[in-house]
Amino acid sequence: MKLQQLRYICEVARRGLNVTTAAERLFTAQSGISTQIRLLEEELSTQIFERHGKRLTGVTQAGETIIAMAERILTETENIRQVAQQLNDETKGTLSIATTHTQAYHALPEVIAKFSESFPDVKLRIHQGDAQQIYDMLLSRTADVAVTTATKNMPKELVMLPYREWHLAVITPPGHPLTLEKELSLESLAKYPLITYDHEVAGRTAINQAFTDAGLLTNIALTALDSDIIKKYVKLDMGVGLIAETALDEKEDTGLEVLSAEHLFRPSTSCICVHRGRHLRSYVYSFITHITPQLTDEAVEGILRWESTKGDAPPSSQ
């Protein structure tokens, strides 16, 4: 049994039994993955995946147990590596952050700059994606920590630490009729083409829910994964924009009118996510407290440990 074989079965399961996608993710050949899975099944005398011909169609009951154990083994293997690196020098290493474009561009620059001043020997890697891609990066141990918007479908293997609520804002070109209204309403918004987030972005859920609850049809003229693309097309007068208020910048967003919409849409929550059971280097806790300065490293460590074990009551953050 080899660690690489365990990585293969976990990645295939994570990719919905799509061996081709798993191979692309692991930068290897599809045939090599298939061969190694077969060899592992033969060694264990146990079928991990159900098949129809050469195509994988499901995970056997034994396979589910084996894959769960394999995930724990891979996590502990990474933990051993992290512990060894920390014992050698806890101020050096690499911090991989998974996040959205909006967070990376608007929310994190000052945090990352301050963190780099405190830990100049830690190399930083920023990986951008939508919520599902960010979760995948944590599950595959590509990222140490994620900063994203909370969603209902967060995998149970991850721990979430909420740290800030944010609201949606409406943006329009100067002189737009909406800017003349005393109070913005969903009925008024529904009259115009809307430019907003793609379905894969967490903030889109609040938009859809609000219009559905009000029984209103909308004309979604254009969608994008990040706020700056939305701003660009609003400036071209292609429609009215709906973006996160945290993505607005007074210096950069000249040529746009901003209207508060917090009374129209429920707020979303930004959160920090880590993988349950994974050993975090001390500087990872420090990075988290740079985002949440109201907490100490010890408080964050205690909260994440409690969330990982699901204790009866959270520890004190005092």
Protein backbone atom coordinates (compact mmCIF):
# COMPACT_ATOMS: atom_id res chain seq x y z
CA MET A 1 0.00 0.00 0.00
CA LYS A 2 1.37 3.40 -1.01
CA LEU A 3 0.43 6.92 0.00
CA GLN A 4 0.08 7.79 -3.68
CA GLN A 5 -2.61 5.11 -4.06
CA LEU A 6 -4.49 6.61 -1.12
CA ARG A 7 -4.25 10.06 -2.73
CA TYR A 8 -5.67 8.61 -5.94
CA ILE A 9 -8.74 7.00 -4.38
CA CYS A 10 -9.48 10.13 -2.30
CA GLU A 11 -9.16 12.45 -5.27
CA VAL A 12 -11.31 10.25 -7.51
CA ALA A 13 -14.01 10.15 -4.84
CA ARG A 14 -13.73 13.92 -4.36
CA ARG A 15 -14.12 14.50 -8.11
CA GLY A 16 -17.37 12.61 -8.38
CA LEU A 17 -15.67 9.42 -9.71
CA ASN A 18 -14.32 11.34 -12.70
CA VAL A 19 -10.87 9.80 -13.19
CA THR A 20 -9.97 12.26 -15.94
CA THR A 21 -10.61 15.27 -13.70
CA ALA A 22 -8.73 13.61 -10.83
CA ALA A 23 -5.77 12.96 -13.12
CA GLU A 24 -5.71 16.60 -14.22
CA ARG A 25 -5.86 17.74 -10.62
CA LEU A 26 -2.96 15.45 -9.64
CA PHE A 27 -0.93 16.19 -12.79
CA THR A 28 -0.70 12.55 -13.76
CA ALA A 29 -2.06 10.14 -16.36
CA GLN A 30 -5.59 8.73 -16.16
CA SER A 31 -4.29 5.25 -16.96
CA GLY A 32 -1.83 5.45 -14.07
CA ILE A 33 -4.58 6.26 -11.58
CA SER A 34 -6.78 3.43 -12.85
CA THR A 35 -3.89 0.97 -12.64
CA GLN A 36 -2.90 1.98 -9.11
CA ILE A 37 -6.50 1.76 -7.87
CA ARG A 38 -6.75 -1.75 -9.30
CA LEU A 39 -3.47 -2.74 -7.64
CA LEU A 40 -4.67 -1.40 -4.30
CA GLU A 41 -7.97 -3.29 -4.58
CA GLU A 42 -6.09 -6.47 -5.43
CA GLU A 43 -3.73 -6.00 -2.47
CA LEU A 44 -6.67 -5.47 -0.11
CA SER A 45 -8.81 -8.14 -1.78
CA THR A 46 -11.59 -5.55 -1.57
CA GLN A 47 -13.43 -3.59 -4.24
CA ILE A 48 -13.35 0.14 -3.44
CA PHE A 49 -15.32 1.39 -6.44
CA GLU A 50 -18.33 -0.04 -8.25
CA ARG A 51 -17.90 -0.29 -12.02
CA HIS A 52 -19.85 -0.62 -15.22
CA GLY A 53 -17.28 -1.79 -17.72
CA LYS A 54 -14.31 0.55 -17.29
CA ARG A 55 -16.42 3.38 -15.88
CA LEU A 56 -16.65 3.98 -12.14
CA THR A 57 -20.29 4.21 -11.06
CA GLY A 58 -20.16 4.32 -7.28
CA VAL A 59 -18.28 3.66 -4.05
CA THR A 60 -18.78 0.37 -2.27
CA GLN A 61 -19.63 0.24 1.43
CA ALA A 62 -16.12 -0.99 2.16
CA GLY A 63 -14.77 1.73 -0.14
CA GLU A 64 -16.47 4.46 1.86
CA THR A 65 -14.74 3.23 5.02
CA ILE A 66 -11.37 2.90 3.28
CA ILE A 67 -11.58 6.35 1.69
CA ALA A 68 -12.49 7.95 5.02
CA MET A 69 -9.49 6.27 6.66
CA ALA A 70 -7.26 7.24 3.74
CA GLU A 71 -8.26 10.89 4.16
CA ARG A 72 -7.26 10.75 7.82
CA ILE A 73 -3.94 9.12 6.94
CA LEU A 74 -3.16 11.79 4.35
CA THR A 75 -4.06 14.53 6.79
CA GLU A 76 -1.84 13.05 9.49
CA THR A 77 0.98 12.63 6.96
CA GLU A 78 0.77 16.33 6.20
CA ASN A 79 0.61 17.05 9.94
CA ILE A 80 3.90 15.20 10.47
CA ARG A 81 5.50 17.33 7.77
CA GLN A 82 4.14 20.53 9.32
CA VAL A 83 5.30 19.58 12.82
CA ALA A 84 8.79 18.76 11.56
CA GLN A 85 9.04 22.06 9.71
CA GLN A 86 7.82 23.98 12.76
CA LEU A 87 10.38 22.26 15.02
CA ASN A 88 13.14 23.19 12.59
CA ASP A 89 12.08 26.85 12.43
CA GLU A 90 8.58 28.06 13.29
CA THR A 91 9.15 31.41 11.56
CA LYS A 92 9.85 29.93 8.12
CA GLY A 93 7.59 28.09 5.73
CA THR A 94 4.79 28.59 3.23
CA LEU A 95 1.26 29.83 3.81
CA SER A 96 -1.25 28.94 1.10
CA ILE A 97 -4.45 30.98 1.17
CA ALA A 98 -7.56 30.06 -0.82
CA THR A 99 -9.96 32.94 -1.37
CA THR A 100 -12.19 34.80 -3.82
CA HIS A 101 -11.08 37.59 -6.12
CA THR A 102 -13.03 40.15 -4.08
CA GLN A 103 -11.41 39.08 -0.82
CA ALA A 104 -7.94 38.89 -2.38
CA TYR A 105 -8.20 42.32 -3.99
CA HIS A 106 -10.25 44.33 -1.52
CA ALA A 107 -10.25 42.73 1.94
CA LEU A 108 -6.89 40.99 2.36
CA PRO A 109 -4.10 43.26 1.02
CA GLU A 110 -3.60 45.22 4.26
CA VAL A 111 -3.88 42.04 6.33
CA ILE A 112 -1.31 40.24 4.18
CA ALA A 113 1.04 43.24 4.20
CA LYS A 114 0.99 43.40 8.01
CA PHE A 115 1.40 39.63 8.29
CA SER A 116 4.44 39.75 5.99
CA GLU A 117 6.02 42.38 8.21
CA SER A 118 5.63 40.04 11.18
CA PHE A 119 6.74 36.91 9.27
CA PRO A 120 9.12 38.03 6.50
CA ASP A 121 10.44 34.48 5.97
CA VAL A 122 7.00 32.95 5.30
CA LYS A 123 6.28 32.62 1.59
CA LEU A 124 2.70 33.42 0.64
CA ARG A 125 0.59 31.79 -2.05
CA ILE A 126 -2.86 33.08 -2.94
CA HIS A 127 -5.21 30.72 -4.79
CA GLN A 128 -8.43 32.25 -6.15
CA GLY A 129 -11.68 30.47 -6.92
CA ASP A 130 -15.38 30.21 -6.18
CA ALA A 131 -16.71 28.66 -2.96
CA GLN A 132 -16.60 25.06 -4.20
CA GLN A 133 -13.08 25.43 -5.61
CA ILE A 134 -11.95 26.95 -2.32
CA TYR A 135 -13.42 24.03 -0.36
CA ASP A 136 -11.68 21.60 -2.72
CA MET A 137 -8.33 23.33 -2.08
CA LEU A 138 -8.73 22.81 1.65
CA LEU A 139 -9.91 19.21 1.29
CA SER A 140 -6.99 18.34 -0.99
CA ARG A 141 -4.57 20.16 1.36
CA THR A 142 -3.54 22.56 -1.42
CA ALA A 143 -4.44 25.45 0.91
CA ASP A 144 -3.74 25.86 4.62
CA VAL A 145 -6.52 28.34 5.26
CA ALA A 146 -9.39 29.90 3.30
CA VAL A 147 -11.12 33.25 3.46
CA THR A 148 -14.49 33.16 1.78
CA THR A 149 -18.23 33.67 2.24
CA ALA A 150 -20.09 31.10 4.32
CA THR A 151 -22.37 28.73 2.40
CA LYS A 152 -24.83 26.07 3.52
CA ASN A 153 -23.04 23.31 1.62
CA MET A 154 -19.67 23.61 3.37
CA PRO A 155 -18.19 20.09 3.72
CA LYS A 156 -18.29 18.62 7.22
CA GLU A 157 -14.52 18.09 7.06
CA LEU A 158 -14.00 21.86 7.35
CA VAL A 159 -14.23 24.21 10.32
CA MET A 160 -15.65 27.70 9.84
CA LEU A 161 -14.82 30.78 11.91
CA PRO A 162 -17.21 33.65 11.02
CA TYR A 163 -15.65 37.08 11.41
CA ARG A 164 -17.67 39.71 9.54
CA GLU A 165 -21.08 40.32 7.98
CA TRP A 166 -21.37 42.20 4.70
CA HIS A 167 -24.25 43.59 2.67
CA LEU A 168 -24.97 44.01 -1.01
CA ALA A 169 -24.87 47.44 -2.62
CA VAL A 170 -26.40 48.73 -5.85
CA ILE A 171 -24.11 50.53 -8.31
CA THR A 172 -25.25 52.60 -11.29
CA PRO A 173 -23.78 55.08 -13.77
CA PRO A 174 -24.12 58.75 -12.67
CA GLY A 175 -27.59 60.24 -13.18
CA HIS A 176 -29.39 56.89 -13.30
CA PRO A 177 -33.14 57.13 -12.45
CA LEU A 178 -32.64 54.89 -9.39
CA THR A 179 -30.47 57.57 -7.79
CA LEU A 180 -33.49 59.92 -7.70
CA GLU A 181 -35.72 57.58 -5.68
CA LYS A 182 -36.27 58.36 -2.00
CA GLU A 183 -35.93 54.70 -0.99
CA LEU A 184 -34.65 51.92 -3.18
CA SER A 185 -37.07 49.00 -3.66
CA LEU A 186 -36.94 45.56 -5.25
CA GLU A 187 -39.77 46.62 -7.57
CA SER A 188 -37.65 49.50 -8.88
CA LEU A 189 -34.58 47.29 -9.34
CA ALA A 190 -36.58 44.69 -11.26
CA LYS A 191 -37.34 47.26 -13.96
CA TYR A 192 -33.72 47.37 -15.11
CA PRO A 193 -31.21 44.84 -16.51
CA LEU A 194 -29.09 43.55 -13.63
CA ILE A 195 -25.39 42.76 -13.62
CA THR A 196 -24.33 40.63 -10.69
CA TYR A 197 -22.55 37.52 -9.47
CA ASP A 198 -22.58 34.12 -11.10
CA HIS A 199 -24.58 31.36 -9.38
CA GLU A 200 -21.32 29.91 -8.04
CA VAL A 201 -20.69 33.03 -5.93
CA ALA A 202 -22.23 32.96 -2.46
CA GLY A 203 -23.78 36.44 -2.60
CA ARG A 204 -26.01 35.45 -5.50
CA THR A 205 -28.18 33.29 -3.23
CA ALA A 206 -29.40 36.32 -1.26
CA ILE A 207 -30.28 38.12 -4.50
CA ASN A 208 -32.31 35.24 -5.90
CA GLN A 209 -34.11 34.67 -2.60
CA ALA A 210 -35.15 38.31 -2.20
CA PHE A 211 -36.70 38.61 -5.64
CA THR A 212 -38.35 35.18 -5.39
CA ASP A 213 -39.90 36.02 -2.01
CA ALA A 214 -41.24 39.26 -3.48
CA GLY A 215 -42.71 37.43 -6.49
CA LEU A 216 -40.66 39.50 -8.93
CA LEU A 217 -39.05 38.46 -12.21
CA THR A 218 -35.60 39.83 -12.97
CA ASN A 219 -33.60 40.42 -16.12
CA ILE A 220 -30.09 39.22 -15.30
CA ALA A 221 -28.25 40.73 -18.25
CA LEU A 222 -24.73 39.63 -17.30
CA THR A 223 -23.03 37.60 -14.55
CA ALA A 224 -19.42 37.39 -13.44
CA LEU A 225 -17.34 35.74 -10.73
CA ASP A 226 -15.79 38.94 -9.38
CA SER A 227 -16.91 42.44 -8.48
CA ASP A 228 -14.47 44.37 -10.64
CA ILE A 229 -15.85 42.80 -13.81
CA ILE A 230 -19.36 43.82 -12.72
CA LYS A 231 -18.19 47.40 -12.13
CA LYS A 232 -16.65 47.54 -15.59
CA TYR A 233 -19.89 46.67 -17.37
CA VAL A 234 -21.98 48.96 -15.17
CA LYS A 235 -19.69 51.82 -16.25
CA LEU A 236 -20.50 50.85 -19.84
CA ASP A 237 -24.19 51.40 -18.94
CA MET A 238 -25.15 47.80 -19.65
CA GLY A 239 -27.24 47.55 -16.50
CA VAL A 240 -27.50 48.08 -12.75
CA GLY A 241 -24.92 46.28 -10.63
CA LEU A 242 -25.36 44.30 -7.42
CA ILE A 243 -22.07 43.68 -5.62
CA ALA A 244 -20.63 43.24 -2.13
CA GLU A 245 -20.22 46.54 -0.32
CA THR A 246 -16.74 45.35 0.71
CA ALA A 247 -15.71 45.46 -2.96
CA LEU A 248 -16.22 49.22 -3.20
CA ASP A 249 -13.31 51.64 -3.19
CA GLU A 250 -13.88 55.41 -3.20
CA LYS A 251 -10.59 56.13 -4.96
CA GLU A 252 -10.95 53.49 -7.67
CA ASP A 253 -14.70 53.55 -8.23
CA THR A 254 -15.13 57.04 -9.60
CA GLY A 255 -17.84 57.19 -12.24
CA LEU A 256 -20.23 55.03 -10.21
CA GLU A 257 -23.15 55.88 -7.95
CA VAL A 258 -23.49 53.64 -4.87
CA LEU A 259 -26.90 52.97 -3.30
CA SER A 260 -27.38 51.11 -0.03
CA ALA A 261 -29.35 47.87 -0.41
CA GLU A 262 -28.94 46.35 3.05
CA HIS A 263 -32.68 46.74 3.66
CA LEU A 264 -33.44 44.63 0.57
CA PHE A 265 -31.14 41.61 0.86
CA ARG A 266 -30.11 39.49 3.82
CA PRO A 267 -26.45 39.88 4.77
CA SER A 268 -23.74 37.36 4.02
CA THR A 269 -20.94 36.31 6.35
CA SER A 270 -17.24 36.25 5.60
CA CYS A 271 -15.47 33.38 7.31
CA ILE A 272 -12.12 31.73 7.79
CA CYS A 273 -12.02 28.00 7.05
CA VAL A 274 -9.51 25.29 7.88
CA HIS A 275 -9.46 21.53 7.53
CA ARG A 276 -10.60 19.61 10.63
CA GLY A 277 -7.81 17.72 12.32
CA ARG A 278 -5.03 19.35 10.34
CA HIS A 279 -2.05 20.64 12.29
CA LEU A 280 -1.65 24.38 11.73
CA ARG A 281 1.70 26.11 11.98
CA SER A 282 1.86 28.88 14.61
CA TYR A 283 2.04 31.52 11.90
CA VAL A 284 -1.28 30.29 10.47
CA TYR A 285 -2.95 31.21 13.77
CA SER A 286 -1.21 34.58 13.58
CA PHE A 287 -2.54 35.11 10.06
CA ILE A 288 -6.06 34.41 11.32
CA THR A 289 -5.67 36.89 14.18
CA HIS A 290 -4.46 39.50 11.70
CA ILE A 291 -7.92 39.12 10.15
CA THR A 292 -9.69 38.91 13.53
CA PRO A 293 -7.59 41.19 15.79
CA GLN A 294 -10.21 40.95 18.56
CA LEU A 295 -8.98 37.41 19.22
CA THR A 296 -5.62 36.09 20.35
CA ASP A 297 -3.74 33.20 18.73
CA GLU A 298 -4.64 31.05 21.75
CA ALA A 299 -8.34 31.94 21.50
CA VAL A 300 -8.47 31.07 17.80
CA GLU A 301 -6.63 27.80 18.45
CA GLY A 302 -9.12 26.94 21.20
CA ILE A 303 -12.16 27.77 19.08
CA LEU A 304 -10.92 25.72 16.12
CA ARG A 305 -9.98 22.80 18.38
CA TRP A 306 -13.45 22.84 19.95
CA GLU A 307 -15.12 23.03 16.53
CA SER A 308 -13.00 20.11 15.36
CA THR A 309 -13.99 17.93 18.30
CA LYS A 310 -17.54 19.32 18.67
CA GLY A 311 -17.32 19.68 22.45
CA ASP A 312 -20.19 20.59 24.72
CA ALA A 313 -19.26 24.24 25.05
CA PRO A 314 -16.80 26.58 23.33
CA PRO A 315 -13.73 27.70 25.24
CA SER A 316 -13.47 31.19 26.65
CA SER A 317 -11.78 33.72 24.37
CA GLN A 318 -10.68 35.79 27.34
